[in-house]
């Protein structure tokens, strides 16, 4: 068998191996689902990770809502074997500028934000025994408020991860939380779609997050 034939055979074997691996590896591709709220309305949520995961993470977005940076973070959580969900607080609306993000967020009734988050937590409560709350900027503040509420599923929350930046911080709200807290601050938001995060900040934050989760969920 000459070199060319060996190369072709190697490629065929590699292709077969990839097909076999993909057939037995759980899918972690993200998808949109609907979550029922306590008001019997429905909110959209982006989820990723195996449905039979040992634990779940509820991600609460910042004022920009669900965008690519947030979806990529959820996908990353799903890829390490967690069931990750981010709730859409904007009912499908997409912001196109930082100014618009602030205006849209400011027009949402806080009660609706609370009910959407309670609906997402209740959904995870039915399927998972261990839940971590994770919030960015304003979402971090919402995460702290949620863990202090009487929402269904709060008792299953084992930890909280919050991410602060130069625009928003929830550091002043975590003093009275008895749960383990990962409190990360970066110069700029890592999920701002209009201002891409620095690779170094993103990777160092992910490393800290992964280490925190591995201690709390394993």
C-alpha atoms as a PDB file:
ATOM      1  CA  UNK A   1       0.000   0.000   0.000  1.00  0.00           C
ATOM      2  CA  UNK A   2       1.537   3.292  -1.109  1.00  0.00           C
ATOM      3  CA  UNK A   3       1.461   6.608   0.762  1.00  0.00           C
ATOM      4  CA  UNK A   4      -1.584   7.907  -1.120  1.00  0.00           C
ATOM      5  CA  UNK A   5      -3.644   4.806  -0.346  1.00  0.00           C
ATOM      6  CA  UNK A   6      -2.638   4.981   3.325  1.00  0.00           C
ATOM      7  CA  UNK A   7      -3.666   8.636   3.452  1.00  0.00           C
ATOM      8  CA  UNK A   8      -7.072   7.862   1.939  1.00  0.00           C
ATOM      9  CA  UNK A   9      -7.621   4.973   4.342  1.00  0.00           C
ATOM     10  CA  UNK A  10      -6.678   7.195   7.292  1.00  0.00           C
ATOM     11  CA  UNK A  11      -9.199   9.830   6.223  1.00  0.00           C
ATOM     12  CA  UNK A  12     -11.938   7.234   5.888  1.00  0.00           C
ATOM     13  CA  UNK A  13     -11.207   5.849   9.353  1.00  0.00           C
ATOM     14  CA  UNK A  14     -11.193   9.349  10.815  1.00  0.00           C
ATOM     15  CA  UNK A  15     -14.549  10.109   9.204  1.00  0.00           C
ATOM     16  CA  UNK A  16     -16.030   6.897  10.609  1.00  0.00           C
ATOM     17  CA  UNK A  17     -14.694   7.745  14.078  1.00  0.00           C
ATOM     18  CA  UNK A  18     -16.233  11.233  13.961  1.00  0.00           C
ATOM     19  CA  UNK A  19     -19.597   9.806  12.916  1.00  0.00           C
ATOM     20  CA  UNK A  20     -19.512   7.289  15.788  1.00  0.00           C
ATOM     21  CA  UNK A  21     -18.558   9.970  18.325  1.00  0.00           C
ATOM     22  CA  UNK A  22     -21.322  12.312  17.201  1.00  0.00           C
ATOM     23  CA  UNK A  23     -23.866   9.502  17.460  1.00  0.00           C
ATOM     24  CA  UNK A  24     -23.187   8.884  21.152  1.00  0.00           C
ATOM     25  CA  UNK A  25     -22.349  12.411  22.377  1.00  0.00           C
ATOM     26  CA  UNK A  26     -25.320  14.318  23.881  1.00  0.00           C
ATOM     27  CA  UNK A  27     -26.308  17.377  21.886  1.00  0.00           C
ATOM     28  CA  UNK A  28     -25.515  20.711  23.490  1.00  0.00           C
ATOM     29  CA  UNK A  29     -26.695  22.896  20.627  1.00  0.00           C
ATOM     30  CA  UNK A  30     -28.754  25.824  21.823  1.00  0.00           C
ATOM     31  CA  UNK A  31     -32.453  26.191  21.039  1.00  0.00           C
ATOM     32  CA  UNK A  32     -35.375  28.432  21.907  1.00  0.00           C
ATOM     33  CA  UNK A  33     -38.149  27.128  24.147  1.00  0.00           C
ATOM     34  CA  UNK A  34     -41.138  28.670  25.920  1.00  0.00           C
ATOM     35  CA  UNK A  35     -41.450  28.881  29.684  1.00  0.00           C
ATOM     36  CA  UNK A  36     -44.719  29.409  31.531  1.00  0.00           C
ATOM     37  CA  UNK A  37     -44.801  32.254  34.045  1.00  0.00           C
ATOM     38  CA  UNK A  38     -46.836  32.479  37.282  1.00  0.00           C
ATOM     39  CA  UNK A  39     -49.293  34.667  35.324  1.00  0.00           C
ATOM     40  CA  UNK A  40     -49.904  31.764  32.879  1.00  0.00           C
ATOM     41  CA  UNK A  41     -48.236  33.746  30.118  1.00  0.00           C
ATOM     42  CA  UNK A  42     -45.197  32.439  28.247  1.00  0.00           C
ATOM     43  CA  UNK A  43     -41.672  33.784  27.883  1.00  0.00           C
ATOM     44  CA  UNK A  44     -39.006  32.699  25.419  1.00  0.00           C
ATOM     45  CA  UNK A  45     -35.780  31.205  26.709  1.00  0.00           C
ATOM     46  CA  UNK A  46     -32.570  30.075  25.046  1.00  0.00           C
ATOM     47  CA  UNK A  47     -31.288  26.768  26.425  1.00  0.00           C
ATOM     48  CA  UNK A  48     -28.248  24.583  25.813  1.00  0.00           C
ATOM     49  CA  UNK A  49     -26.697  21.486  27.308  1.00  0.00           C
ATOM     50  CA  UNK A  50     -27.960  17.968  28.006  1.00  0.00           C
ATOM     51  CA  UNK A  51     -31.523  17.690  29.283  1.00  0.00           C
ATOM     52  CA  UNK A  52     -30.397  15.035  31.774  1.00  0.00           C
ATOM     53  CA  UNK A  53     -27.624  17.211  33.228  1.00  0.00           C
ATOM     54  CA  UNK A  54     -26.872  16.883  36.934  1.00  0.00           C
ATOM     55  CA  UNK A  55     -27.311  20.632  37.470  1.00  0.00           C
ATOM     56  CA  UNK A  56     -28.671  23.739  35.787  1.00  0.00           C
ATOM     57  CA  UNK A  57     -27.673  27.387  35.439  1.00  0.00           C
ATOM     58  CA  UNK A  58     -30.184  30.209  35.049  1.00  0.00           C
ATOM     59  CA  UNK A  59     -28.482  33.096  33.241  1.00  0.00           C
ATOM     60  CA  UNK A  60     -30.101  36.520  33.573  1.00  0.00           C
ATOM     61  CA  UNK A  61     -29.084  38.920  30.791  1.00  0.00           C
ATOM     62  CA  UNK A  62     -28.080  42.546  31.068  1.00  0.00           C
ATOM     63  CA  UNK A  63     -29.993  45.450  29.475  1.00  0.00           C
ATOM     64  CA  UNK A  64     -29.114  44.205  25.959  1.00  0.00           C
ATOM     65  CA  UNK A  65     -31.227  41.095  26.313  1.00  0.00           C
ATOM     66  CA  UNK A  66     -30.385  37.870  24.541  1.00  0.00           C
ATOM     67  CA  UNK A  67     -27.603  38.500  22.037  1.00  0.00           C
ATOM     68  CA  UNK A  68     -24.736  36.507  20.579  1.00  0.00           C
ATOM     69  CA  UNK A  69     -22.349  37.080  23.529  1.00  0.00           C
ATOM     70  CA  UNK A  70     -24.961  35.736  25.954  1.00  0.00           C
ATOM     71  CA  UNK A  71     -25.902  32.808  23.713  1.00  0.00           C
ATOM     72  CA  UNK A  72     -22.226  31.886  23.357  1.00  0.00           C
ATOM     73  CA  UNK A  73     -21.861  31.896  27.139  1.00  0.00           C
ATOM     74  CA  UNK A  74     -24.912  29.637  27.496  1.00  0.00           C
ATOM     75  CA  UNK A  75     -23.503  27.327  24.818  1.00  0.00           C
ATOM     76  CA  UNK A  76     -20.231  27.185  26.715  1.00  0.00           C
ATOM     77  CA  UNK A  77     -22.016  26.181  29.912  1.00  0.00           C
ATOM     78  CA  UNK A  78     -23.889  23.523  27.990  1.00  0.00           C
ATOM     79  CA  UNK A  79     -20.662  22.189  26.503  1.00  0.00           C
ATOM     80  CA  UNK A  80     -19.302  21.377  29.982  1.00  0.00           C
ATOM     81  CA  UNK A  81     -22.371  19.280  30.752  1.00  0.00           C
ATOM     82  CA  UNK A  82     -24.724  21.759  32.425  1.00  0.00           C
ATOM     83  CA  UNK A  83     -28.237  22.631  31.362  1.00  0.00           C
ATOM     84  CA  UNK A  84     -28.054  26.382  30.869  1.00  0.00           C
ATOM     85  CA  UNK A  85     -30.964  28.741  30.270  1.00  0.00           C
ATOM     86  CA  UNK A  86     -31.207  32.460  29.608  1.00  0.00           C
ATOM     87  CA  UNK A  87     -34.649  34.036  29.798  1.00  0.00           C
ATOM     88  CA  UNK A  88     -35.763  36.597  27.211  1.00  0.00           C
ATOM     89  CA  UNK A  89     -36.990  39.615  29.134  1.00  0.00           C
ATOM     90  CA  UNK A  90     -37.705  41.549  25.909  1.00  0.00           C
ATOM     91  CA  UNK A  91     -40.305  39.196  24.405  1.00  0.00           C
ATOM     92  CA  UNK A  92     -38.370  38.772  21.187  1.00  0.00           C
ATOM     93  CA  UNK A  93     -37.485  42.435  20.701  1.00  0.00           C
ATOM     94  CA  UNK A  94     -33.891  43.095  19.656  1.00  0.00           C
ATOM     95  CA  UNK A  95     -32.073  46.283  20.617  1.00  0.00           C
ATOM     96  CA  UNK A  96     -29.895  47.973  18.014  1.00  0.00           C
ATOM     97  CA  UNK A  97     -27.950  50.492  20.099  1.00  0.00           C
ATOM     98  CA  UNK A  98     -26.794  51.031  23.692  1.00  0.00           C
ATOM     99  CA  UNK A  99     -29.204  53.960  24.067  1.00  0.00           C
ATOM    100  CA  UNK A 100     -32.104  51.839  22.862  1.00  0.00           C
ATOM    101  CA  UNK A 101     -31.147  49.070  25.292  1.00  0.00           C
ATOM    102  CA  UNK A 102     -31.426  51.404  28.251  1.00  0.00           C
ATOM    103  CA  UNK A 103     -34.723  52.852  27.034  1.00  0.00           C
ATOM    104  CA  UNK A 104     -36.321  49.456  26.368  1.00  0.00           C
ATOM    105  CA  UNK A 105     -35.173  48.016  29.693  1.00  0.00           C
ATOM    106  CA  UNK A 106     -36.519  51.066  31.495  1.00  0.00           C
ATOM    107  CA  UNK A 107     -39.983  50.643  29.958  1.00  0.00           C
ATOM    108  CA  UNK A 108     -40.465  47.063  31.167  1.00  0.00           C
ATOM    109  CA  UNK A 109     -42.643  46.722  34.232  1.00  0.00           C
ATOM    110  CA  UNK A 110     -40.436  45.258  37.008  1.00  0.00           C
ATOM    111  CA  UNK A 111     -43.309  42.925  37.861  1.00  0.00           C
ATOM    112  CA  UNK A 112     -43.071  41.289  34.430  1.00  0.00           C
ATOM    113  CA  UNK A 113     -39.315  40.835  34.797  1.00  0.00           C
ATOM    114  CA  UNK A 114     -39.891  39.220  38.178  1.00  0.00           C
ATOM    115  CA  UNK A 115     -42.597  36.899  36.822  1.00  0.00           C
ATOM    116  CA  UNK A 116     -40.506  35.832  33.827  1.00  0.00           C
ATOM    117  CA  UNK A 117     -37.588  35.001  36.104  1.00  0.00           C
ATOM    118  CA  UNK A 118     -39.819  33.124  38.530  1.00  0.00           C
ATOM    119  CA  UNK A 119     -41.216  31.143  35.607  1.00  0.00           C
ATOM    120  CA  UNK A 120     -37.726  30.201  34.426  1.00  0.00           C
ATOM    121  CA  UNK A 121     -36.665  29.159  37.913  1.00  0.00           C
ATOM    122  CA  UNK A 122     -39.842  27.125  38.412  1.00  0.00           C
ATOM    123  CA  UNK A 123     -39.175  25.353  35.098  1.00  0.00           C
ATOM    124  CA  UNK A 124     -35.671  24.377  36.195  1.00  0.00           C
ATOM    125  CA  UNK A 125     -36.991  23.407  39.620  1.00  0.00           C
ATOM    126  CA  UNK A 126     -39.122  20.678  37.997  1.00  0.00           C
ATOM    127  CA  UNK A 127     -36.188  19.115  36.160  1.00  0.00           C
ATOM    128  CA  UNK A 128     -33.054  19.684  38.250  1.00  0.00           C
ATOM    129  CA  UNK A 129     -32.047  19.322  41.873  1.00  0.00           C
ATOM    130  CA  UNK A 130     -29.201  21.836  41.840  1.00  0.00           C
ATOM    131  CA  UNK A 131     -29.402  25.326  40.321  1.00  0.00           C
ATOM    132  CA  UNK A 132     -26.945  28.211  40.043  1.00  0.00           C
ATOM    133  CA  UNK A 133     -28.065  31.763  39.294  1.00  0.00           C
ATOM    134  CA  UNK A 134     -25.828  33.829  37.023  1.00  0.00           C
ATOM    135  CA  UNK A 135     -26.316  37.477  36.140  1.00  0.00           C
ATOM    136  CA  UNK A 136     -24.592  40.199  34.123  1.00  0.00           C
ATOM    137  CA  UNK A 137     -24.849  43.880  35.045  1.00  0.00           C
ATOM    138  CA  UNK A 138     -28.533  44.599  35.685  1.00  0.00           C
ATOM    139  CA  UNK A 139     -29.099  40.860  35.414  1.00  0.00           C
ATOM    140  CA  UNK A 140     -26.777  40.372  38.372  1.00  0.00           C
ATOM    141  CA  UNK A 141     -28.975  42.650  40.440  1.00  0.00           C
ATOM    142  CA  UNK A 142     -32.013  40.648  39.349  1.00  0.00           C
ATOM    143  CA  UNK A 143     -30.254  37.414  40.338  1.00  0.00           C
ATOM    144  CA  UNK A 144     -29.634  38.734  43.843  1.00  0.00           C
ATOM    145  CA  UNK A 145     -33.258  39.851  44.173  1.00  0.00           C
ATOM    146  CA  UNK A 146     -34.492  36.486  42.931  1.00  0.00           C
ATOM    147  CA  UNK A 147     -32.453  34.503  45.427  1.00  0.00           C
ATOM    148  CA  UNK A 148     -33.941  36.645  48.210  1.00  0.00           C
ATOM    149  CA  UNK A 149     -37.505  36.037  46.996  1.00  0.00           C
ATOM    150  CA  UNK A 150     -39.972  33.255  47.776  1.00  0.00           C
ATOM    151  CA  UNK A 151     -39.972  31.943  44.190  1.00  0.00           C
ATOM    152  CA  UNK A 152     -40.420  28.229  43.531  1.00  0.00           C
ATOM    153  CA  UNK A 153     -36.987  26.673  43.134  1.00  0.00           C
ATOM    154  CA  UNK A 154     -35.102  29.163  45.306  1.00  0.00           C
ATOM    155  CA  UNK A 155     -34.361  26.429  47.839  1.00  0.00           C
ATOM    156  CA  UNK A 156     -32.496  24.517  45.129  1.00  0.00           C
ATOM    157  CA  UNK A 157     -30.226  27.465  44.334  1.00  0.00           C
ATOM    158  CA  UNK A 158     -26.808  26.471  45.649  1.00  0.00           C
ATOM    159  CA  UNK A 159     -24.703  29.411  44.452  1.00  0.00           C
ATOM    160  CA  UNK A 160     -24.782  32.754  42.649  1.00  0.00           C
ATOM    161  CA  UNK A 161     -22.358  34.118  40.048  1.00  0.00           C
ATOM    162  CA  UNK A 162     -22.498  37.841  39.320  1.00  0.00           C
ATOM    163  CA  UNK A 163     -20.526  39.852  36.778  1.00  0.00           C
ATOM    164  CA  UNK A 164     -20.033  43.580  37.282  1.00  0.00           C
ATOM    165  CA  UNK A 165     -18.605  46.205  34.952  1.00  0.00           C
ATOM    166  CA  UNK A 166     -18.033  49.940  34.772  1.00  0.00           C
ATOM    167  CA  UNK A 167     -21.714  50.556  34.042  1.00  0.00           C
ATOM    168  CA  UNK A 168     -23.502  48.290  36.525  1.00  0.00           C
ATOM    169  CA  UNK A 169     -22.659  46.495  39.756  1.00  0.00           C
ATOM    170  CA  UNK A 170     -24.542  44.265  42.172  1.00  0.00           C
ATOM    171  CA  UNK A 171     -21.761  44.154  44.724  1.00  0.00           C
ATOM    172  CA  UNK A 172     -23.746  46.198  47.214  1.00  0.00           C
ATOM    173  CA  UNK A 173     -26.564  43.631  47.217  1.00  0.00           C
ATOM    174  CA  UNK A 174     -24.649  40.437  47.960  1.00  0.00           C
ATOM    175  CA  UNK A 175     -23.737  41.187  51.565  1.00  0.00           C
ATOM    176  CA  UNK A 176     -26.789  39.449  52.986  1.00  0.00           C
ATOM    177  CA  UNK A 177     -26.642  36.343  50.788  1.00  0.00           C
ATOM    178  CA  UNK A 178     -25.724  33.209  52.713  1.00  0.00           C
ATOM    179  CA  UNK A 179     -24.954  31.248  49.534  1.00  0.00           C
ATOM    180  CA  UNK A 180     -21.497  31.002  47.932  1.00  0.00           C
ATOM    181  CA  UNK A 181     -21.022  33.921  45.531  1.00  0.00           C
ATOM    182  CA  UNK A 182     -18.644  34.378  42.613  1.00  0.00           C
ATOM    183  CA  UNK A 183     -18.207  38.145  42.273  1.00  0.00           C
ATOM    184  CA  UNK A 184     -16.276  39.124  39.140  1.00  0.00           C
ATOM    185  CA  UNK A 185     -15.610  42.657  37.948  1.00  0.00           C
ATOM    186  CA  UNK A 186     -14.230  43.629  34.549  1.00  0.00           C
ATOM    187  CA  UNK A 187     -13.553  47.102  33.082  1.00  0.00           C
ATOM    188  CA  UNK A 188     -16.290  46.613  30.482  1.00  0.00           C
ATOM    189  CA  UNK A 189     -19.236  44.274  30.120  1.00  0.00           C
ATOM    190  CA  UNK A 190     -18.447  40.899  28.571  1.00  0.00           C
ATOM    191  CA  UNK A 191     -21.917  40.555  27.020  1.00  0.00           C
ATOM    192  CA  UNK A 192     -22.296  43.985  25.401  1.00  0.00           C
ATOM    193  CA  UNK A 193     -22.984  43.242  21.701  1.00  0.00           C
ATOM    194  CA  UNK A 194     -21.921  46.761  20.744  1.00  0.00           C
ATOM    195  CA  UNK A 195     -18.534  46.588  22.453  1.00  0.00           C
ATOM    196  CA  UNK A 196     -16.766  43.231  21.993  1.00  0.00           C
ATOM    197  CA  UNK A 197     -15.097  41.921  25.120  1.00  0.00           C
ATOM    198  CA  UNK A 198     -11.325  41.648  25.331  1.00  0.00           C
ATOM    199  CA  UNK A 199     -10.204  38.068  24.882  1.00  0.00           C
ATOM    200  CA  UNK A 200      -8.126  38.167  28.067  1.00  0.00           C
ATOM    201  CA  UNK A 201     -11.034  39.384  30.211  1.00  0.00           C
ATOM    202  CA  UNK A 202     -13.361  36.830  28.659  1.00  0.00           C
ATOM    203  CA  UNK A 203     -11.053  33.872  29.190  1.00  0.00           C
ATOM    204  CA  UNK A 204     -10.013  34.795  32.721  1.00  0.00           C
ATOM    205  CA  UNK A 205     -13.676  35.225  33.677  1.00  0.00           C
ATOM    206  CA  UNK A 206     -14.588  31.903  32.105  1.00  0.00           C
ATOM    207  CA  UNK A 207     -11.751  30.172  33.946  1.00  0.00           C
ATOM    208  CA  UNK A 208     -12.937  31.625  37.262  1.00  0.00           C
ATOM    209  CA  UNK A 209     -16.519  30.636  36.449  1.00  0.00           C
ATOM    210  CA  UNK A 210     -15.639  27.084  35.476  1.00  0.00           C
ATOM    211  CA  UNK A 211     -13.608  26.624  38.661  1.00  0.00           C
ATOM    212  CA  UNK A 212     -16.425  28.044  40.798  1.00  0.00           C
ATOM    213  CA  UNK A 213     -19.040  25.801  39.190  1.00  0.00           C
ATOM    214  CA  UNK A 214     -16.906  22.671  39.454  1.00  0.00           C
ATOM    215  CA  UNK A 215     -16.607  23.185  43.220  1.00  0.00           C
ATOM    216  CA  UNK A 216     -20.295  23.885  43.745  1.00  0.00           C
ATOM    217  CA  UNK A 217     -21.866  21.380  41.368  1.00  0.00           C
ATOM    218  CA  UNK A 218     -19.605  18.310  41.653  1.00  0.00           C
END
